[in-house]
Amino acid sequence: DGPVIQKANQRVLQNYFGLSQAWDCVSEIRNRYT
């Protein structure tokens, strides 16, 4: 990835946002937009 996406990854990881939270986020999106 380029620098913009690398920085996004760093922000997410610094906030301790892991895979289980990512699946929760996906589920929220899926529930809103079937």
PDB file of all heavy atoms in Angstrom:
ATOM      1  N   ASP A   1       0.821  -1.201   0.000  1.00  0.00           N
ATOM      2  CA  ASP A   1       0.000   0.000   0.000  1.00  0.00           C
ATOM      3  C   ASP A   1       0.856   1.252   0.000  1.00  0.00           C
ATOM      4  O   ASP A   1       1.990   1.247   0.451  1.00  0.00           O
ATOM      5  CB  ASP A   1      -0.917   0.018   1.232  1.00  0.00           C
ATOM      6  CG  ASP A   1      -1.956  -1.085   1.185  1.00  0.00           C
ATOM      7  OD1 ASP A   1      -2.610  -1.229   0.137  1.00  0.00           O
ATOM      8  OD2 ASP A   1      -2.108  -1.804   2.182  1.00  0.00           O
ATOM      9  N   GLY A   2       0.253   2.326  -0.467  1.00  0.00           N
ATOM     10  CA  GLY A   2       0.925   3.617  -0.467  1.00  0.00           C
ATOM     11  C   GLY A   2       0.835   4.287   0.892  1.00  0.00           C
ATOM     12  O   GLY A   2       0.257   3.747   1.835  1.00  0.00           O
ATOM     13  N   PRO A   3       1.403   5.498   0.998  1.00  0.00           N
ATOM     14  CA  PRO A   3       1.506   6.173   2.292  1.00  0.00           C
ATOM     15  C   PRO A   3       0.165   6.514   2.936  1.00  0.00           C
ATOM     16  O   PRO A   3       0.049   6.493   4.163  1.00  0.00           O
ATOM     17  CB  PRO A   3       2.316   7.437   1.989  1.00  0.00           C
ATOM     18  CG  PRO A   3       2.266   7.610   0.519  1.00  0.00           C
ATOM     19  CD  PRO A   3       2.047   6.256  -0.073  1.00  0.00           C
ATOM     20  N   VAL A   4      -0.861   6.828   2.160  1.00  0.00           N
ATOM     21  CA  VAL A   4      -2.162   7.178   2.743  1.00  0.00           C
ATOM     22  C   VAL A   4      -2.773   5.970   3.443  1.00  0.00           C
ATOM     23  O   VAL A   4      -3.230   6.050   4.589  1.00  0.00           O
ATOM     24  CB  VAL A   4      -3.111   7.738   1.662  1.00  0.00           C
ATOM     25  CG1 VAL A   4      -4.517   7.909   2.202  1.00  0.00           C
ATOM     26  CG2 VAL A   4      -2.572   9.049   1.114  1.00  0.00           C
ATOM     27  N   ILE A   5      -2.760   4.833   2.776  1.00  0.00           N
ATOM     28  CA  ILE A   5      -3.333   3.622   3.373  1.00  0.00           C
ATOM     29  C   ILE A   5      -2.440   3.110   4.498  1.00  0.00           C
ATOM     30  O   ILE A   5      -2.930   2.605   5.511  1.00  0.00           O
ATOM     31  CB  ILE A   5      -3.592   2.550   2.286  1.00  0.00           C
ATOM     32  CG1 ILE A   5      -4.660   3.073   1.316  1.00  0.00           C
ATOM     33  CG2 ILE A   5      -4.033   1.235   2.917  1.00  0.00           C
ATOM     34  CD1 ILE A   5      -4.890   2.208   0.111  1.00  0.00           C
ATOM     35  N   GLN A   6      -1.129   3.252   4.370  1.00  0.00           N
ATOM     36  CA  GLN A   6      -0.231   2.869   5.464  1.00  0.00           C
ATOM     37  C   GLN A   6      -0.558   3.659   6.728  1.00  0.00           C
ATOM     38  O   GLN A   6      -0.624   3.104   7.827  1.00  0.00           O
ATOM     39  CB  GLN A   6       1.224   3.077   5.068  1.00  0.00           C
ATOM     40  CG  GLN A   6       1.719   2.069   4.054  1.00  0.00           C
ATOM     41  CD  GLN A   6       3.157   2.346   3.611  1.00  0.00           C
ATOM     42  OE1 GLN A   6       3.803   3.264   4.074  1.00  0.00           O
ATOM     43  NE2 GLN A   6       3.647   1.513   2.698  1.00  0.00           N
ATOM     44  N   LYS A   7      -0.788   4.958   6.581  1.00  0.00           N
ATOM     45  CA  LYS A   7      -1.118   5.786   7.747  1.00  0.00           C
ATOM     46  C   LYS A   7      -2.472   5.398   8.329  1.00  0.00           C
ATOM     47  O   LYS A   7      -2.656   5.407   9.552  1.00  0.00           O
ATOM     48  CB  LYS A   7      -1.075   7.264   7.380  1.00  0.00           C
ATOM     49  CG  LYS A   7       0.336   7.768   7.180  1.00  0.00           C
ATOM     50  CD  LYS A   7       0.377   9.221   6.778  1.00  0.00           C
ATOM     51  CE  LYS A   7       1.822   9.623   6.511  1.00  0.00           C
ATOM     52  NZ  LYS A   7       1.936  10.983   6.004  1.00  0.00           N
ATOM     53  N   ALA A   8      -3.420   5.056   7.484  1.00  0.00           N
ATOM     54  CA  ALA A   8      -4.730   4.598   7.973  1.00  0.00           C
ATOM     55  C   ALA A   8      -4.555   3.323   8.794  1.00  0.00           C
ATOM     56  O   ALA A   8      -5.142   3.177   9.873  1.00  0.00           O
ATOM     57  CB  ALA A   8      -5.682   4.364   6.801  1.00  0.00           C
ATOM     58  N   ASN A   9      -3.742   2.400   8.291  1.00  0.00           N
ATOM     59  CA  ASN A   9      -3.467   1.165   9.027  1.00  0.00           C
ATOM     60  C   ASN A   9      -2.852   1.468  10.397  1.00  0.00           C
ATOM     61  O   ASN A   9      -3.231   0.878  11.409  1.00  0.00           O
ATOM     62  CB  ASN A   9      -2.529   0.253   8.226  1.00  0.00           C
ATOM     63  CG  ASN A   9      -3.237  -0.537   7.160  1.00  0.00           C
ATOM     64  OD1 ASN A   9      -3.758  -1.606   7.417  1.00  0.00           O
ATOM     65  ND2 ASN A   9      -3.266  -0.012   5.957  1.00  0.00           N
ATOM     66  N   GLN A  10      -1.904   2.385  10.420  1.00  0.00           N
ATOM     67  CA  GLN A  10      -1.252   2.748  11.682  1.00  0.00           C
ATOM     68  C   GLN A  10      -2.251   3.326  12.682  1.00  0.00           C
ATOM     69  O   GLN A  10      -2.221   2.974  13.869  1.00  0.00           O
ATOM     70  CB  GLN A  10      -0.128   3.761  11.430  1.00  0.00           C
ATOM     71  CG  GLN A  10       1.058   3.171  10.718  1.00  0.00           C
ATOM     72  CD  GLN A  10       2.059   4.224  10.257  1.00  0.00           C
ATOM     73  OE1 GLN A  10       1.809   5.427  10.367  1.00  0.00           O
ATOM     74  NE2 GLN A  10       3.189   3.781   9.732  1.00  0.00           N
ATOM     75  N   ARG A  11      -3.142   4.209  12.222  1.00  0.00           N
ATOM     76  CA  ARG A  11      -4.144   4.796  13.123  1.00  0.00           C
ATOM     77  C   ARG A  11      -5.041   3.715  13.711  1.00  0.00           C
ATOM     78  O   ARG A  11      -5.333   3.716  14.911  1.00  0.00           O
ATOM     79  CB  ARG A  11      -5.001   5.830  12.378  1.00  0.00           C
ATOM     80  CG  ARG A  11      -4.317   7.141  12.127  1.00  0.00           C
ATOM     81  CD  ARG A  11      -5.292   8.180  11.596  1.00  0.00           C
ATOM     82  NE  ARG A  11      -5.868   7.822  10.306  1.00  0.00           N
ATOM     83  CZ  ARG A  11      -5.354   8.182   9.130  1.00  0.00           C
ATOM     84  NH1 ARG A  11      -4.241   8.908   9.076  1.00  0.00           N
ATOM     85  NH2 ARG A  11      -5.952   7.827   8.008  1.00  0.00           N
ATOM     86  N   VAL A  12      -5.475   2.800  12.872  1.00  0.00           N
ATOM     87  CA  VAL A  12      -6.361   1.730  13.329  1.00  0.00           C
ATOM     88  C   VAL A  12      -5.662   0.866  14.371  1.00  0.00           C
ATOM     89  O   VAL A  12      -6.223   0.571  15.433  1.00  0.00           O
ATOM     90  CB  VAL A  12      -6.836   0.877  12.131  1.00  0.00           C
ATOM     91  CG1 VAL A  12      -7.563  -0.370  12.596  1.00  0.00           C
ATOM     92  CG2 VAL A  12      -7.726   1.710  11.218  1.00  0.00           C
ATOM     93  N   LEU A  13      -4.440   0.460  14.083  1.00  0.00           N
ATOM     94  CA  LEU A  13      -3.711  -0.410  15.010  1.00  0.00           C
ATOM     95  C   LEU A  13      -3.366   0.318  16.309  1.00  0.00           C
ATOM     96  O   LEU A  13      -3.386  -0.298  17.384  1.00  0.00           O
ATOM     97  CB  LEU A  13      -2.463  -0.966  14.331  1.00  0.00           C
ATOM     98  CG  LEU A  13      -2.758  -1.912  13.157  1.00  0.00           C
ATOM     99  CD1 LEU A  13      -1.471  -2.285  12.450  1.00  0.00           C
ATOM    100  CD2 LEU A  13      -3.520  -3.144  13.601  1.00  0.00           C
ATOM    101  N   GLN A  14      -3.086   1.613  16.252  1.00  0.00           N
ATOM    102  CA  GLN A  14      -2.806   2.382  17.472  1.00  0.00           C
ATOM    103  C   GLN A  14      -4.035   2.461  18.373  1.00  0.00           C
ATOM    104  O   GLN A  14      -3.908   2.626  19.584  1.00  0.00           O
ATOM    105  CB  GLN A  14      -2.315   3.786  17.121  1.00  0.00           C
ATOM    106  CG  GLN A  14      -0.914   3.799  16.572  1.00  0.00           C
ATOM    107  CD  GLN A  14      -0.516   5.160  15.997  1.00  0.00           C
ATOM    108  OE1 GLN A  14      -1.334   6.060  15.821  1.00  0.00           O
ATOM    109  NE2 GLN A  14       0.766   5.295  15.674  1.00  0.00           N
ATOM    110  N   ASN A  15      -5.220   2.334  17.775  1.00  0.00           N
ATOM    111  CA  ASN A  15      -6.468   2.364  18.544  1.00  0.00           C
ATOM    112  C   ASN A  15      -6.907   0.964  18.983  1.00  0.00           C
ATOM    113  O   ASN A  15      -8.022   0.803  19.473  1.00  0.00           O
ATOM    114  CB  ASN A  15      -7.581   3.029  17.732  1.00  0.00           C
ATOM    115  CG  ASN A  15      -7.374   4.514  17.593  1.00  0.00           C
ATOM    116  OD1 ASN A  15      -6.833   5.157  18.482  1.00  0.00           O
ATOM    117  ND2 ASN A  15      -7.794   5.070  16.472  1.00  0.00           N
ATOM    118  N   TYR A  16      -6.026  -0.032  18.792  1.00  0.00           N
ATOM    119  CA  TYR A  16      -6.304  -1.414  19.210  1.00  0.00           C
ATOM    120  C   TYR A  16      -7.593  -1.959  18.592  1.00  0.00           C
ATOM    121  O   TYR A  16      -8.360  -2.661  19.233  1.00  0.00           O
ATOM    122  CB  TYR A  16      -6.332  -1.527  20.738  1.00  0.00           C
ATOM    123  CG  TYR A  16      -5.049  -1.067  21.373  1.00  0.00           C
ATOM    124  CD1 TYR A  16      -4.953   0.191  21.949  1.00  0.00           C
ATOM    125  CD2 TYR A  16      -3.913  -1.861  21.343  1.00  0.00           C
ATOM    126  CE1 TYR A  16      -3.753   0.641  22.505  1.00  0.00           C
ATOM    127  CE2 TYR A  16      -2.719  -1.428  21.893  1.00  0.00           C
ATOM    128  CZ  TYR A  16      -2.647  -0.178  22.475  1.00  0.00           C
ATOM    129  OH  TYR A  16      -1.464   0.252  23.012  1.00  0.00           O
ATOM    130  N   PHE A  17      -7.802  -1.617  17.337  1.00  0.00           N
ATOM    131  CA  PHE A  17      -8.958  -2.092  16.583  1.00  0.00           C
ATOM    132  C   PHE A  17      -8.523  -3.349  15.847  1.00  0.00           C
ATOM    133  O   PHE A  17      -7.766  -3.290  14.889  1.00  0.00           O
ATOM    134  CB  PHE A  17      -9.401  -1.003  15.594  1.00  0.00           C
ATOM    135  CG  PHE A  17     -10.642  -1.327  14.809  1.00  0.00           C
ATOM    136  CD1 PHE A  17     -11.887  -0.999  15.308  1.00  0.00           C
ATOM    137  CD2 PHE A  17     -10.553  -1.937  13.567  1.00  0.00           C
ATOM    138  CE1 PHE A  17     -13.030  -1.273  14.580  1.00  0.00           C
ATOM    139  CE2 PHE A  17     -11.692  -2.218  12.825  1.00  0.00           C
ATOM    140  CZ  PHE A  17     -12.940  -1.888  13.336  1.00  0.00           C
ATOM    141  N   GLY A  18      -8.977  -4.495  16.322  1.00  0.00           N
ATOM    142  CA  GLY A  18      -8.541  -5.775  15.771  1.00  0.00           C
ATOM    143  C   GLY A  18      -9.592  -6.433  14.903  1.00  0.00           C
ATOM    144  O   GLY A  18     -10.618  -5.840  14.543  1.00  0.00           O
ATOM    145  N   LEU A  19      -9.333  -7.681  14.589  1.00  0.00           N
ATOM    146  CA  LEU A  19     -10.184  -8.426  13.668  1.00  0.00           C
ATOM    147  C   LEU A  19     -11.611  -8.593  14.189  1.00  0.00           C
ATOM    148  O   LEU A  19     -12.570  -8.442  13.432  1.00  0.00           O
ATOM    149  CB  LEU A  19      -9.551  -9.793  13.370  1.00  0.00           C
ATOM    150  CG  LEU A  19     -10.072 -10.554  12.177  1.00  0.00           C
ATOM    151  CD1 LEU A  19     -10.061  -9.712  10.913  1.00  0.00           C
ATOM    152  CD2 LEU A  19      -9.275 -11.824  11.968  1.00  0.00           C
ATOM    153  N   SER A  20     -11.781  -8.861  15.478  1.00  0.00           N
ATOM    154  CA  SER A  20     -13.151  -9.040  15.990  1.00  0.00           C
ATOM    155  C   SER A  20     -13.943  -7.735  15.870  1.00  0.00           C
ATOM    156  O   SER A  20     -15.133  -7.753  15.521  1.00  0.00           O
ATOM    157  CB  SER A  20     -13.149  -9.558  17.423  1.00  0.00           C
ATOM    158  OG  SER A  20     -12.566  -8.627  18.296  1.00  0.00           O
ATOM    159  N   GLN A  21     -13.293  -6.591  16.111  1.00  0.00           N
ATOM    160  CA  GLN A  21     -13.973  -5.316  15.939  1.00  0.00           C
ATOM    161  C   GLN A  21     -14.276  -5.046  14.465  1.00  0.00           C
ATOM    162  O   GLN A  21     -15.310  -4.467  14.124  1.00  0.00           O
ATOM    163  CB  GLN A  21     -13.139  -4.163  16.521  1.00  0.00           C
ATOM    164  CG  GLN A  21     -12.993  -4.203  18.016  1.00  0.00           C
ATOM    165  CD  GLN A  21     -11.755  -4.987  18.466  1.00  0.00           C
ATOM    166  OE1 GLN A  21     -11.121  -5.698  17.694  1.00  0.00           O
ATOM    167  NE2 GLN A  21     -11.424  -4.851  19.735  1.00  0.00           N
ATOM    168  N   ALA A  22     -13.367  -5.474  13.600  1.00  0.00           N
ATOM    169  CA  ALA A  22     -13.598  -5.307  12.162  1.00  0.00           C
ATOM    170  C   ALA A  22     -14.824  -6.091  11.723  1.00  0.00           C
ATOM    171  O   ALA A  22     -15.660  -5.584  10.966  1.00  0.00           O
ATOM    172  CB  ALA A  22     -12.367  -5.741  11.364  1.00  0.00           C
ATOM    173  N   TRP A  23     -14.957  -7.335  12.204  1.00  0.00           N
ATOM    174  CA  TRP A  23     -16.138  -8.132  11.848  1.00  0.00           C
ATOM    175  C   TRP A  23     -17.404  -7.479  12.385  1.00  0.00           C
ATOM    176  O   TRP A  23     -18.449  -7.500  11.731  1.00  0.00           O
ATOM    177  CB  TRP A  23     -16.020  -9.563  12.338  1.00  0.00           C
ATOM    178  CG  TRP A  23     -14.917 -10.366  11.721  1.00  0.00           C
ATOM    179  CD1 TRP A  23     -14.122 -11.276  12.354  1.00  0.00           C
ATOM    180  CD2 TRP A  23     -14.478 -10.386  10.349  1.00  0.00           C
ATOM    181  NE1 TRP A  23     -13.215 -11.825  11.473  1.00  0.00           N
ATOM    182  CE2 TRP A  23     -13.413 -11.307  10.238  1.00  0.00           C
ATOM    183  CE3 TRP A  23     -14.871  -9.702   9.218  1.00  0.00           C
ATOM    184  CZ2 TRP A  23     -12.759 -11.558   9.028  1.00  0.00           C
ATOM    185  CZ3 TRP A  23     -14.215  -9.944   8.007  1.00  0.00           C
ATOM    186  CH2 TRP A  23     -13.178 -10.870   7.934  1.00  0.00           C
ATOM    187  N   ASP A  24     -17.335  -6.892  13.580  1.00  0.00           N
ATOM    188  CA  ASP A  24     -18.496  -6.171  14.126  1.00  0.00           C
ATOM    189  C   ASP A  24     -18.875  -5.002  13.221  1.00  0.00           C
ATOM    190  O   ASP A  24     -20.062  -4.757  12.966  1.00  0.00           O
ATOM    191  CB  ASP A  24     -18.209  -5.656  15.536  1.00  0.00           C
ATOM    192  CG  ASP A  24     -18.101  -6.756  16.569  1.00  0.00           C
ATOM    193  OD1 ASP A  24     -18.546  -7.891  16.304  1.00  0.00           O
ATOM    194  OD2 ASP A  24     -17.560  -6.467  17.660  1.00  0.00           O
ATOM    195  N   CYS A  25     -17.891  -4.293  12.737  1.00  0.00           N
ATOM    196  CA  CYS A  25     -18.111  -3.151  11.846  1.00  0.00           C
ATOM    197  C   CYS A  25     -18.747  -3.622  10.532  1.00  0.00           C
ATOM    198  O   CYS A  25     -19.712  -3.021  10.044  1.00  0.00           O
ATOM    199  CB  CYS A  25     -16.793  -2.440  11.602  1.00  0.00           C
ATOM    200  SG  CYS A  25     -16.919  -0.825  10.833  1.00  0.00           S
ATOM    201  N   VAL A  26     -18.217  -4.706   9.977  1.00  0.00           N
ATOM    202  CA  VAL A  26     -18.784  -5.267   8.748  1.00  0.00           C
ATOM    203  C   VAL A  26     -20.237  -5.677   8.983  1.00  0.00           C
ATOM    204  O   VAL A  26     -21.111  -5.388   8.162  1.00  0.00           O
ATOM    205  CB  VAL A  26     -17.955  -6.472   8.246  1.00  0.00           C
ATOM    206  CG1 VAL A  26     -18.683  -7.211   7.131  1.00  0.00           C
ATOM    207  CG2 VAL A  26     -16.579  -6.025   7.782  1.00  0.00           C
ATOM    208  N   SER A  27     -20.505  -6.325  10.107  1.00  0.00           N
ATOM    209  CA  SER A  27     -21.871  -6.748  10.416  1.00  0.00           C
ATOM    210  C   SER A  27     -22.817  -5.559  10.491  1.00  0.00           C
ATOM    211  O   SER A  27     -23.958  -5.629  10.023  1.00  0.00           O
ATOM    212  CB  SER A  27     -21.912  -7.524  11.739  1.00  0.00           C
ATOM    213  OG  SER A  27     -21.225  -8.741  11.621  1.00  0.00           O
ATOM    214  N   GLU A  28     -22.345  -4.463  11.070  1.00  0.00           N
ATOM    215  CA  GLU A  28     -23.155  -3.250  11.150  1.00  0.00           C
ATOM    216  C   GLU A  28     -23.468  -2.721   9.749  1.00  0.00           C
ATOM    217  O   GLU A  28     -24.606  -2.359   9.444  1.00  0.00           O
ATOM    218  CB  GLU A  28     -22.440  -2.187  11.981  1.00  0.00           C
ATOM    219  CG  GLU A  28     -23.189  -0.894  12.101  1.00  0.00           C
ATOM    220  CD  GLU A  28     -24.468  -0.990  12.902  1.00  0.00           C
ATOM    221  OE1 GLU A  28     -24.571  -1.878  13.785  1.00  0.00           O
ATOM    222  OE2 GLU A  28     -25.387  -0.192  12.643  1.00  0.00           O
ATOM    223  N   ILE A  29     -22.463  -2.688   8.892  1.00  0.00           N
ATOM    224  CA  ILE A  29     -22.679  -2.236   7.507  1.00  0.00           C
ATOM    225  C   ILE A  29     -23.650  -3.174   6.795  1.00  0.00           C
ATOM    226  O   ILE A  29     -24.585  -2.724   6.128  1.00  0.00           O
ATOM    227  CB  ILE A  29     -21.343  -2.136   6.742  1.00  0.00           C
ATOM    228  CG1 ILE A  29     -20.438  -1.075   7.388  1.00  0.00           C
ATOM    229  CG2 ILE A  29     -21.578  -1.834   5.257  1.00  0.00           C
ATOM    230  CD1 ILE A  29     -18.986  -1.128   6.924  1.00  0.00           C
ATOM    231  N   ARG A  30     -23.444  -4.477   6.953  1.00  0.00           N
ATOM    232  CA  ARG A  30     -24.319  -5.455   6.295  1.00  0.00           C
ATOM    233  C   ARG A  30     -25.758  -5.316   6.782  1.00  0.00           C
ATOM    234  O   ARG A  30     -26.708  -5.388   5.995  1.00  0.00           O
ATOM    235  CB  ARG A  30     -23.797  -6.882   6.546  1.00  0.00           C
ATOM    236  CG  ARG A  30     -24.716  -7.989   6.050  1.00  0.00           C
ATOM    237  CD  ARG A  30     -25.094  -7.902   4.573  1.00  0.00           C
ATOM    238  NE  ARG A  30     -23.926  -8.075   3.726  1.00  0.00           N
ATOM    239  CZ  ARG A  30     -23.713  -7.361   2.616  1.00  0.00           C
ATOM    240  NH1 ARG A  30     -24.571  -6.452   2.208  1.00  0.00           N
ATOM    241  NH2 ARG A  30     -22.639  -7.547   1.898  1.00  0.00           N
ATOM    242  N   ASN A  31     -25.951  -5.102   8.085  1.00  0.00           N
ATOM    243  CA  ASN A  31     -27.308  -4.946   8.618  1.00  0.00           C
ATOM    244  C   ASN A  31     -28.003  -3.718   8.042  1.00  0.00           C
ATOM    245  O   ASN A  31     -29.209  -3.732   7.824  1.00  0.00           O
ATOM    246  CB  ASN A  31     -27.287  -4.865  10.144  1.00  0.00           C
ATOM    247  CG  ASN A  31     -26.960  -6.194  10.787  1.00  0.00           C
ATOM    248  OD1 ASN A  31     -27.183  -7.250  10.206  1.00  0.00           O
ATOM    249  ND2 ASN A  31     -26.407  -6.154  11.983  1.00  0.00           N
ATOM    250  N   ARG A  32     -27.245  -2.664   7.791  1.00  0.00           N
ATOM    251  CA  ARG A  32     -27.820  -1.434   7.243  1.00  0.00           C
ATOM    252  C   ARG A  32     -28.068  -1.534   5.742  1.00  0.00           C
ATOM    253  O   ARG A  32     -28.986  -0.903   5.214  1.00  0.00           O
ATOM    254  CB  ARG A  32     -26.891  -0.246   7.504  1.00  0.00           C
ATOM    255  CG  ARG A  32     -26.754   0.122   8.965  1.00  0.00           C
ATOM    256  CD  ARG A  32     -25.812   1.301   9.116  1.00  0.00           C
ATOM    257  NE  ARG A  32     -25.460   1.534  10.510  1.00  0.00           N
ATOM    258  CZ  ARG A  32     -24.708   2.538  10.919  1.00  0.00           C
ATOM    259  NH1 ARG A  32     -24.215   3.405  10.051  1.00  0.00           N
ATOM    260  NH2 ARG A  32     -24.426   2.684  12.189  1.00  0.00           N
ATOM    261  N   TYR A  33     -27.211  -2.286   5.037  1.00  0.00           N
ATOM    262  CA  TYR A  33     -27.246  -2.340   3.572  1.00  0.00           C
ATOM    263  C   TYR A  33     -27.208  -3.797   3.117  1.00  0.00           C
ATOM    264  O   TYR A  33     -26.164  -4.322   2.736  1.00  0.00           O
ATOM    265  CB  TYR A  33     -26.071  -1.542   2.983  1.00  0.00           C
ATOM    266  CG  TYR A  33     -26.102  -0.105   3.420  1.00  0.00           C
ATOM    267  CD1 TYR A  33     -25.320   0.319   4.489  1.00  0.00           C
ATOM    268  CD2 TYR A  33     -26.942   0.800   2.793  1.00  0.00           C
ATOM    269  CE1 TYR A  33     -25.378   1.641   4.920  1.00  0.00           C
ATOM    270  CE2 TYR A  33     -27.007   2.126   3.225  1.00  0.00           C
ATOM    271  CZ  TYR A  33     -26.220   2.532   4.284  1.00  0.00           C
ATOM    272  OH  TYR A  33     -26.285   3.836   4.720  1.00  0.00           O
ATOM    273  N   THR A  34     -28.358  -4.425   3.129  1.00  0.00           N
ATOM    274  CA  THR A  34     -28.423  -5.864   2.872  1.00  0.00           C
ATOM    275  C   THR A  34     -28.068  -6.245   1.444  1.00  0.00           C
ATOM    276  O   THR A  34     -27.623  -7.366   1.209  1.00  0.00           O
ATOM    277  CB  THR A  34     -29.822  -6.406   3.224  1.00  0.00           C
ATOM    278  OG1 THR A  34     -30.805  -5.687   2.458  1.00  0.00           O
ATOM    279  CG2 THR A  34     -30.113  -6.248   4.707  1.00  0.00           C
TER     280      THR A  34
END
